[in-house]
Amino acid sequence: MATPSVSLLDLAAASLSSAIVAADQIVTLARQDDATPDTDQKNIRLKNDGSFVTDADLAAQQIIVDAIRNVSPLVRIVGEEAEEEMQTKAITGHEERSQRMYTLCRQEIELRYHRQNVTHMPLSQATTITKERNDQDAKEHKDAQEGATTTAEQSADQDQGTAVVSRDSVGVGMLQEPLQEFEVDPSRVSVFIDPLDGTKAYAKADYEPVSVLIAIILDKIPCFGVICKPFGYPGQTSVLDTGCVAIYGGTLLGGAYTAGGTVCNLPSPTSPPTEIPELFDSETSSISPLDSSNRPPPTVRSVSDTLDSPSSARLSMEDLPRAVISSSRSKGIVEDFVTHLGDRGMINPQPLLVSGAGEKSLRIILRSENEGLWFFPKAGTSLWDVAASDALLRATGGRLTDKNGNDMDYSKSRTEAENEDGVVACYDQRLHAECIRLFLEKSWHE
């Protein structure tokens, strides 16, 4: 008897919709706890590994797991929380909302996959897009949202604005095609879930680092990821009346999007590492000589433009990409290597202190403060912390590996999911390759 196939588009819709519904529970418990400061509505406690867990972690994971299993009970699910404890905190009453949200998300993902040009996304009640590249883009979007008649040329611009835009290996905007195959054998698929990344901050009522992270893995390679911010995110469209923001995408769709909004408008590339002599070839994971045919148009500043420019034309320190590191883990090898990159003029020598794996990843993808590198070459993260980021970076011109430049091994089980060799994530494949090279050429110690 043939094994039934599973649709990756259905799984993507389930991942996105369940992240949004799970965010509801996370926010609801936080508000209850904040309203009654003398009680512990979150039920904060320590797990055996010394990390925090709350009822929100378990409720959120249960919502997500149920949504995935409704699509296919045969795909492998790897969640941060233990299945047994999750079931003890099972909640009900969200099923109808989950189904409605799934329908909306499935419609949106179908539009994204087929590149249909629409002026209103199914999840959107907002009329603004974020991070417009210039005033003209903003004006054209506003006109479209108000139903204004556009010229054929304006329509073409609108198509570009809602298409999937990513960056190639030197940071240049380009279009990627979605995966052609989306009906697959479920044995090829895994789903990694971090239902509440940033639990320690959440327990302290510090909600900025909190994220919901979900990733779909096909043949051990992330193809779709969701980073959902339950408490919103500056400058990004929120989903309906929820207040949460969800960034999603991957090679399945060919890029990254804001749920209910537009394509994530990635900033113009400004990577200036002056000592990168080679171009990283993402297809072969090797280093090849810099090929002038890969250079972008002269109107776009990129790594290769900077290399060929006189020193007076190179970018200032403020234009250099910045590292994002945790304040609690900013010393030792992390500080030493980030300082080393700064001394070489590859990154801004002043890193940003950012908590939460999801928050760091989102900073690298959206780059509101020119964030470009997450460097943490030791244990302390797990596969569910990085899988969604990995999927999104693959589709937007970035790269995520361990400290040796190896891809993460997503075939591992929940009990083997610790990233013993750390994580190095970068918005630009070429800068990532040079970071790995410099790290491996020396012996770095705590």
Protein backbone atom coordinates (compact mmCIF):
# COMPACT_ATOMS: atom_id res chain seq x y z
CA MET A 1 0.00 0.00 0.00
CA ALA A 2 1.48 3.33 -1.08
CA THR A 3 2.39 5.84 1.63
CA PRO A 4 0.21 8.97 1.34
CA SER A 5 2.08 12.12 0.41
CA VAL A 6 2.05 15.33 2.41
CA SER A 7 1.86 18.85 1.00
CA LEU A 8 4.64 21.13 2.17
CA LEU A 9 2.32 24.06 1.48
CA ASP A 10 -0.22 22.60 3.89
CA LEU A 11 2.50 22.06 6.49
CA ALA A 12 3.73 25.61 5.97
CA ALA A 13 0.21 26.96 6.50
CA ALA A 14 -0.17 24.84 9.64
CA SER A 15 3.16 26.10 10.95
CA LEU A 16 2.35 29.75 10.32
CA SER A 17 -1.23 29.62 11.62
CA SER A 18 -0.37 27.61 14.73
CA ALA A 19 2.46 30.01 15.58
CA ILE A 20 -0.05 32.87 15.51
CA VAL A 21 -2.60 31.00 17.63
CA ALA A 22 0.14 29.88 20.04
CA ALA A 23 1.18 33.52 20.36
CA ASP A 24 -2.32 34.26 21.65
CA GLN A 25 -1.80 31.86 24.54
CA ILE A 26 1.64 33.24 25.31
CA VAL A 27 0.30 36.81 25.48
CA THR A 28 -2.82 35.82 27.45
CA LEU A 29 -0.80 34.11 30.18
CA ALA A 30 1.61 37.03 30.33
CA ARG A 31 -1.22 39.53 30.78
CA GLN A 32 -2.80 37.42 33.51
CA ASP A 33 0.53 37.20 35.29
CA ASP A 34 1.26 40.91 34.93
CA ALA A 35 -2.22 41.82 36.21
CA THR A 36 -1.70 39.78 39.38
CA PRO A 37 1.95 40.37 40.34
CA ASP A 38 1.70 38.47 43.62
CA THR A 39 0.78 35.23 41.83
CA ASP A 40 2.55 33.06 39.29
CA GLN A 41 0.02 32.58 36.50
CA LYS A 42 2.80 31.50 34.17
CA ASN A 43 3.76 28.66 36.53
CA ILE A 44 7.49 29.30 36.10
CA ARG A 45 9.75 26.41 37.04
CA LEU A 46 13.10 24.82 36.24
CA LYS A 47 13.56 21.76 34.04
CA ASN A 48 16.11 19.06 34.73
CA ASP A 49 18.62 20.77 32.43
CA GLY A 50 18.41 23.98 34.47
CA SER A 51 16.44 25.98 31.91
CA PHE A 52 13.10 27.65 32.60
CA VAL A 53 9.72 26.39 31.43
CA THR A 54 6.25 27.87 31.84
CA ASP A 55 2.73 26.72 31.11
CA ALA A 56 2.88 28.94 28.01
CA ASP A 57 5.74 26.84 26.57
CA LEU A 58 3.70 23.68 26.88
CA ALA A 59 0.40 25.14 25.70
CA ALA A 60 2.07 26.72 22.67
CA GLN A 61 3.83 23.51 21.67
CA GLN A 62 0.63 21.52 22.00
CA ILE A 63 -1.22 23.93 19.68
CA ILE A 64 1.57 23.66 17.10
CA VAL A 65 1.89 19.88 17.32
CA ASP A 66 -1.87 19.44 16.92
CA ALA A 67 -1.84 21.62 13.80
CA ILE A 68 1.03 19.67 12.23
CA ARG A 69 -0.57 16.32 12.99
CA ASN A 70 -3.86 17.48 11.51
CA VAL A 71 -2.00 17.83 8.21
CA SER A 72 -0.03 14.60 8.56
CA PRO A 73 0.43 12.26 11.52
CA LEU A 74 3.43 10.73 9.75
CA VAL A 75 5.95 13.58 9.72
CA ARG A 76 8.61 13.58 12.42
CA ILE A 77 8.17 16.31 15.06
CA VAL A 78 11.07 17.46 17.24
CA GLY A 79 9.94 19.89 19.93
CA GLU A 80 11.86 21.49 22.76
CA GLU A 81 9.35 20.36 25.39
CA ALA A 82 8.84 16.72 26.34
CA GLU A 83 5.72 15.17 24.85
CA GLU A 84 4.62 13.69 28.17
CA GLU A 85 4.69 17.01 30.03
CA MET A 86 3.11 18.82 27.10
CA GLN A 87 0.10 16.50 27.26
CA THR A 88 -0.40 17.22 30.96
CA LYS A 89 -0.95 20.90 30.08
CA ALA A 90 -3.15 20.25 27.06
CA ILE A 91 -5.65 23.05 26.40
CA THR A 92 -8.88 23.22 24.42
CA GLY A 93 -11.09 25.95 23.05
CA HIS A 94 -8.70 27.16 20.36
CA GLU A 95 -9.73 24.67 17.66
CA GLU A 96 -12.18 26.89 15.78
CA ARG A 97 -9.79 29.83 15.76
CA SER A 98 -6.98 27.54 14.66
CA GLN A 99 -9.02 26.32 11.70
CA ARG A 100 -9.98 29.85 10.64
CA MET A 101 -6.38 31.01 10.87
CA TYR A 102 -5.18 27.96 8.94
CA THR A 103 -7.59 28.77 6.09
CA LEU A 104 -6.30 32.34 5.87
CA CYS A 105 -2.67 31.27 6.03
CA ARG A 106 -3.18 28.57 3.41
CA GLN A 107 -4.65 31.16 1.04
CA GLU A 108 -1.74 33.52 1.64
CA ILE A 109 0.91 30.85 1.17
CA GLU A 110 -0.77 29.69 -2.05
CA LEU A 111 -0.55 33.25 -3.37
CA ARG A 112 3.08 33.52 -2.32
CA TYR A 113 4.00 30.22 -3.94
CA HIS A 114 2.37 31.07 -7.26
CA ARG A 115 3.62 34.68 -7.22
CA GLN A 116 0.19 36.19 -7.68
CA ASN A 117 0.13 39.99 -7.52
CA VAL A 118 -2.41 41.19 -4.97
CA THR A 119 -2.85 44.54 -3.28
CA HIS A 120 -4.49 43.05 -0.19
CA MET A 121 -3.02 40.01 1.48
CA PRO A 122 -5.61 37.73 3.17
CA LEU A 123 -4.27 38.29 6.68
CA SER A 124 -3.80 42.04 6.44
CA GLN A 125 -5.93 44.78 7.96
CA ALA A 126 -3.07 47.26 7.73
CA THR A 127 -2.51 49.64 4.84
CA THR A 128 1.20 50.22 5.30
CA ILE A 129 4.24 48.25 4.34
CA THR A 130 7.44 48.32 6.31
CA LYS A 131 10.94 49.39 5.45
CA GLU A 132 10.05 51.02 2.11
CA ARG A 133 13.17 51.53 0.04
CA ASN A 134 12.16 55.05 -0.92
CA ASP A 135 9.28 57.51 -0.87
CA GLN A 136 8.10 56.54 -4.33
CA ASP A 137 7.66 52.90 -3.30
CA ALA A 138 5.63 54.03 -0.30
CA LYS A 139 3.43 56.29 -2.45
CA GLU A 140 2.75 53.56 -5.00
CA HIS A 141 1.82 51.12 -2.25
CA LYS A 142 -0.57 53.61 -0.68
CA ASP A 143 -2.21 54.28 -4.03
CA ALA A 144 -2.66 50.57 -4.60
CA GLN A 145 -4.13 50.03 -1.14
CA GLU A 146 -6.67 52.85 -1.76
CA GLY A 147 -7.68 51.33 -5.06
CA ALA A 148 -6.03 53.97 -7.21
CA THR A 149 -5.69 53.29 -10.92
CA THR A 150 -2.07 52.66 -11.83
CA THR A 151 -0.27 52.74 -15.12
CA ALA A 152 1.20 49.59 -16.63
CA GLU A 153 4.62 50.69 -15.44
CA GLN A 154 3.36 51.22 -11.90
CA SER A 155 1.75 47.78 -12.00
CA ALA A 156 5.08 46.27 -12.93
CA ASP A 157 6.65 48.03 -9.95
CA GLN A 158 3.91 46.65 -7.73
CA ASP A 159 4.65 43.15 -9.03
CA GLN A 160 8.27 43.60 -8.01
CA GLY A 161 7.21 44.84 -4.59
CA THR A 162 5.20 41.73 -3.85
CA ALA A 163 7.57 39.28 -5.49
CA VAL A 164 10.04 37.24 -3.48
CA VAL A 165 13.23 39.27 -3.18
CA SER A 166 16.38 37.75 -1.76
CA ARG A 167 20.11 38.43 -1.88
CA ASP A 168 22.71 36.46 -3.76
CA SER A 169 26.13 35.53 -2.39
CA VAL A 170 27.40 39.10 -2.59
CA GLY A 171 24.28 40.64 -1.16
CA VAL A 172 22.59 41.66 -4.40
CA GLY A 173 18.80 41.64 -4.72
CA MET A 174 17.56 38.81 -6.95
CA LEU A 175 14.52 36.59 -7.49
CA GLN A 176 14.44 32.94 -6.47
CA GLU A 177 12.07 30.31 -7.78
CA PRO A 178 10.03 28.36 -5.21
CA LEU A 179 10.62 24.64 -4.82
CA GLN A 180 8.97 22.80 -7.71
CA GLU A 181 8.26 19.78 -5.53
CA PHE A 182 5.85 20.25 -2.65
CA GLU A 183 3.93 16.94 -2.53
CA VAL A 184 6.40 14.62 -0.81
CA ASP A 185 6.70 11.40 1.14
CA PRO A 186 6.22 12.29 4.84
CA SER A 187 9.22 10.14 5.77
CA ARG A 188 11.38 12.87 4.19
CA VAL A 189 9.98 15.58 6.47
CA SER A 190 10.73 16.77 9.99
CA VAL A 191 9.29 19.74 11.87
CA PHE A 192 11.37 21.46 14.56
CA ILE A 193 9.54 23.51 17.18
CA ASP A 194 10.65 25.98 19.82
CA PRO A 195 7.27 27.03 21.19
CA LEU A 196 8.63 29.88 23.30
CA ASP A 197 12.17 31.00 22.62
CA GLY A 198 13.35 33.38 25.33
CA THR A 199 11.55 31.72 28.25
CA LYS A 200 13.92 33.21 30.82
CA ALA A 201 13.13 36.74 29.60
CA TYR A 202 9.42 35.89 29.40
CA ALA A 203 9.46 34.76 33.02
CA LYS A 204 10.85 38.18 33.98
CA ALA A 205 8.21 40.04 31.93
CA ASP A 206 10.83 41.06 29.37
CA TYR A 207 8.88 40.29 26.21
CA GLU A 208 11.04 41.74 23.44
CA PRO A 209 13.24 38.60 23.03
CA VAL A 210 10.25 36.21 22.99
CA SER A 211 9.65 34.30 19.75
CA VAL A 212 7.86 31.22 18.45
CA LEU A 213 10.13 29.25 16.10
CA ILE A 214 9.00 26.55 13.67
CA ALA A 215 10.90 24.98 10.78
CA ILE A 216 10.10 22.38 8.13
CA ILE A 217 13.03 20.16 7.16
CA LEU A 218 13.01 18.30 3.84
CA ASP A 219 15.70 15.66 3.34
CA LYS A 220 17.65 17.15 6.28
CA ILE A 221 17.60 20.65 4.75
CA PRO A 222 15.40 23.47 6.13
CA CYS A 223 12.97 24.65 3.44
CA PHE A 224 10.48 26.73 5.45
CA GLY A 225 10.66 28.68 8.69
CA VAL A 226 8.52 30.91 10.89
CA ILE A 227 9.74 33.45 13.42
CA CYS A 228 6.67 34.77 15.22
CA LYS A 229 6.87 37.65 17.70
CA PRO A 230 3.83 37.38 20.03
CA PHE A 231 4.25 40.92 21.39
CA GLY A 232 4.78 42.57 18.02
CA TYR A 233 7.84 43.95 16.26
CA PRO A 234 8.70 47.58 15.45
CA GLY A 235 8.04 48.58 11.87
CA GLN A 236 6.39 45.31 10.85
CA THR A 237 2.77 44.62 9.94
CA SER A 238 0.87 42.74 12.64
CA VAL A 239 -1.53 39.89 11.89
CA LEU A 240 -5.15 41.05 11.97
CA ASP A 241 -6.00 42.24 15.48
CA THR A 242 -3.57 39.93 17.26
CA GLY A 243 -0.72 42.39 17.68
CA CYS A 244 1.78 39.63 16.86
CA VAL A 245 4.15 39.73 13.90
CA ALA A 246 5.22 36.67 11.91
CA ILE A 247 8.07 36.52 9.42
CA TYR A 248 8.03 33.37 7.33
CA GLY A 249 9.49 31.86 4.18
CA GLY A 250 12.31 29.74 2.87
CA THR A 251 13.32 27.97 -0.31
CA LEU A 252 9.81 26.47 -0.45
CA LEU A 253 8.52 29.95 -1.32
CA GLY A 254 11.75 31.47 -2.59
CA GLY A 255 12.11 34.25 -0.02
CA ALA A 256 10.86 35.81 3.20
CA TYR A 257 7.54 37.54 3.91
CA THR A 258 5.69 39.35 6.64
CA ALA A 259 2.40 37.55 7.38
CA GLY A 260 -0.46 39.70 6.19
CA GLY A 261 1.97 42.20 4.73
CA THR A 262 4.46 42.29 1.92
CA VAL A 263 7.77 40.76 1.07
CA CYS A 264 10.39 41.51 3.70
CA ASN A 265 12.10 44.45 2.02
CA LEU A 266 15.72 43.66 2.67
CA PRO A 267 17.99 46.71 2.96
CA SER A 268 20.47 47.58 0.26
CA PRO A 269 23.66 45.58 0.87
CA THR A 270 26.40 47.43 2.72
CA SER A 271 28.86 44.65 3.56
CA PRO A 272 32.32 46.14 3.36
CA PRO A 273 34.77 43.47 4.54
CA THR A 274 37.88 44.78 2.83
CA GLU A 275 39.93 41.63 3.34
CA ILE A 276 37.68 39.12 1.58
CA PRO A 277 39.60 38.09 -1.54
CA GLU A 278 37.29 35.33 -2.72
CA LEU A 279 33.65 34.64 -3.47
CA PHE A 280 31.84 31.95 -1.54
CA ASP A 281 30.13 29.43 -3.79
CA SER A 282 27.05 28.26 -1.89
CA GLU A 283 26.34 25.48 -4.36
CA THR A 284 29.64 23.70 -3.82
CA SER A 285 30.42 25.00 -0.32
CA SER A 286 33.84 25.93 -1.62
CA ILE A 287 35.89 29.05 -2.21
CA SER A 288 36.39 30.22 -5.79
CA PRO A 289 38.12 33.27 -7.29
CA LEU A 290 36.12 36.46 -7.46
CA ASP A 291 34.30 36.54 -10.81
CA SER A 292 33.56 39.99 -12.20
CA SER A 293 30.43 38.62 -13.90
CA ASN A 294 28.86 38.26 -10.47
CA ARG A 295 29.14 41.95 -9.72
CA PRO A 296 25.91 43.88 -9.32
CA PRO A 297 24.98 46.98 -11.29
CA PRO A 298 27.14 49.97 -10.27
CA THR A 299 24.15 51.64 -8.60
CA VAL A 300 24.17 48.99 -5.86
CA ARG A 301 26.88 48.97 -3.23
CA SER A 302 28.08 45.45 -2.44
CA VAL A 303 31.06 43.51 -1.22
CA SER A 304 32.65 43.30 -4.66
CA ASP A 305 32.13 47.02 -5.31
CA THR A 306 33.86 47.80 -2.03
CA LEU A 307 36.79 45.55 -2.84
CA ASP A 308 37.39 47.40 -6.09
CA SER A 309 36.85 50.88 -4.67
CA PRO A 310 39.61 53.18 -3.45
CA SER A 311 39.85 53.32 0.33
CA SER A 312 38.30 56.78 0.38
CA ALA A 313 35.09 55.31 -1.13
CA ARG A 314 34.79 52.47 1.32
CA LEU A 315 32.08 52.44 3.90
CA SER A 316 32.36 54.14 7.25
CA MET A 317 32.27 52.28 10.54
CA GLU A 318 28.56 53.04 10.88
CA ASP A 319 27.93 51.20 7.60
CA LEU A 320 29.72 48.03 8.67
CA PRO A 321 27.52 45.05 9.62
CA ARG A 322 27.18 44.57 13.36
CA ALA A 323 27.39 41.40 15.40
CA VAL A 324 24.51 40.45 17.69
CA ILE A 325 25.49 38.58 20.85
CA SER A 326 23.91 37.81 24.22
CA SER A 327 24.99 40.06 27.08
CA SER A 328 25.35 37.04 29.35
CA ARG A 329 27.61 35.29 26.80
CA SER A 330 29.51 38.24 25.37
CA LYS A 331 32.90 37.58 26.96
CA GLY A 332 35.66 35.10 26.26
CA ILE A 333 35.92 33.62 22.79
CA VAL A 334 32.87 35.52 21.53
CA GLU A 335 34.28 38.90 22.50
CA ASP A 336 37.78 38.01 21.28
CA PHE A 337 36.69 36.92 17.82
CA VAL A 338 34.20 39.74 17.30
CA THR A 339 36.96 42.19 18.28
CA HIS A 340 39.29 40.44 15.81
CA LEU A 341 36.77 40.92 12.99
CA GLY A 342 36.33 44.54 13.98
CA ASP A 343 40.08 45.13 13.96
CA ARG A 344 40.20 43.77 10.40
CA GLY A 345 37.49 46.17 9.27
CA MET A 346 34.98 43.42 8.51
CA ILE A 347 32.31 44.38 11.04
CA ASN A 348 31.50 47.26 13.33
CA PRO A 349 33.68 46.76 16.44
CA GLN A 350 30.70 47.59 18.68
CA PRO A 351 28.34 44.57 18.81
CA LEU A 352 24.69 44.80 19.79
CA LEU A 353 23.66 42.91 22.93
CA VAL A 354 20.54 40.95 22.01
CA SER A 355 18.78 38.15 23.89
CA GLY A 356 17.02 35.20 22.29
CA ALA A 357 17.95 33.06 19.29
CA GLY A 358 14.85 34.10 17.36
CA GLU A 359 15.42 37.77 18.07
CA LYS A 360 19.05 37.56 16.92
CA SER A 361 18.02 35.80 13.73
CA LEU A 362 15.30 38.30 12.96
CA ARG A 363 17.76 41.16 13.47
CA ILE A 364 20.08 39.61 10.87
CA ILE A 365 17.23 39.12 8.39
CA LEU A 366 15.57 42.54 8.76
CA ARG A 367 18.78 44.48 9.56
CA SER A 368 17.09 47.56 11.02
CA GLU A 369 20.38 48.51 12.73
CA ASN A 370 22.64 46.90 10.12
CA GLU A 371 22.87 43.67 12.10
CA GLY A 372 24.76 41.07 10.09
CA LEU A 373 26.39 38.36 12.19
CA TRP A 374 25.46 36.03 15.02
CA PHE A 375 28.59 34.32 16.32
CA PHE A 376 28.44 31.79 19.14
CA PRO A 377 30.97 28.95 18.66
CA LYS A 378 30.08 26.75 21.62
CA ALA A 379 27.27 24.75 23.18
CA GLY A 380 24.22 26.62 24.44
CA THR A 381 21.79 26.50 21.55
CA SER A 382 19.79 23.62 20.09
CA LEU A 383 18.51 22.67 16.66
CA TRP A 384 15.05 24.10 17.36
CA ASP A 385 16.72 27.46 18.14
CA VAL A 386 18.30 27.72 14.68
CA ALA A 387 16.22 25.68 12.22
CA ALA A 388 13.74 28.45 11.34
CA SER A 389 16.59 30.95 10.99
CA ASP A 390 18.46 28.50 8.77
CA ALA A 391 15.45 28.19 6.46
CA LEU A 392 14.96 31.95 6.16
CA LEU A 393 18.64 32.75 5.64
CA ARG A 394 18.93 30.14 2.88
CA ALA A 395 16.20 32.00 1.00
CA THR A 396 17.53 35.52 1.57
CA GLY A 397 21.19 35.11 0.66
CA GLY A 398 22.55 34.30 4.12
CA ARG A 399 24.05 31.23 5.73
CA LEU A 400 23.96 29.41 9.06
CA THR A 401 26.38 26.67 10.12
CA ASP A 402 28.34 25.48 13.11
CA LYS A 403 31.71 27.02 13.98
CA ASN A 404 33.47 24.70 11.51
CA GLY A 405 31.29 25.71 8.59
CA ASN A 406 29.29 22.49 8.61
CA ASP A 407 25.54 22.42 8.06
CA MET A 408 23.45 21.52 11.08
CA ASP A 409 22.45 17.85 11.31
CA TYR A 410 18.66 17.86 11.45
CA SER A 411 18.47 14.07 11.51
CA LYS A 412 19.23 14.15 15.23
CA SER A 413 16.62 13.33 17.85
CA ARG A 414 15.31 15.62 20.57
CA THR A 415 17.81 14.28 23.10
CA GLU A 416 20.71 14.86 20.68
CA ALA A 417 19.67 18.35 19.56
CA GLU A 418 22.32 20.38 21.41
CA ASN A 419 24.54 22.37 19.03
CA GLU A 420 27.83 21.31 20.58
CA ASP A 421 29.82 23.17 17.92
CA GLY A 422 27.84 26.36 18.24
CA VAL A 423 26.26 28.51 15.57
CA VAL A 424 27.57 31.08 13.10
CA ALA A 425 24.82 32.89 11.16
CA CYS A 426 25.30 35.71 8.69
CA TYR A 427 23.08 37.65 6.32
CA ASP A 428 25.70 37.30 3.57
CA GLN A 429 27.24 34.00 2.42
CA ARG A 430 30.54 35.55 1.53
CA LEU A 431 31.05 37.28 4.85
CA HIS A 432 30.06 34.05 6.57
CA ALA A 433 32.70 32.09 4.63
CA GLU A 434 35.39 34.56 5.60
CA CYS A 435 34.38 34.45 9.28
CA ILE A 436 34.68 30.66 9.25
CA ARG A 437 38.06 30.83 7.50
CA LEU A 438 39.45 33.31 10.01
CA PHE A 439 38.08 31.32 12.93
CA LEU A 440 39.63 28.07 11.73
CA GLU A 441 43.06 29.52 10.92
CA LYS A 442 43.74 30.24 14.59
CA SER A 443 43.27 28.41 17.88
CA TRP A 444 40.64 30.26 19.85
CA HIS A 445 40.11 29.43 23.51
CA GLU A 446 37.92 30.65 26.34
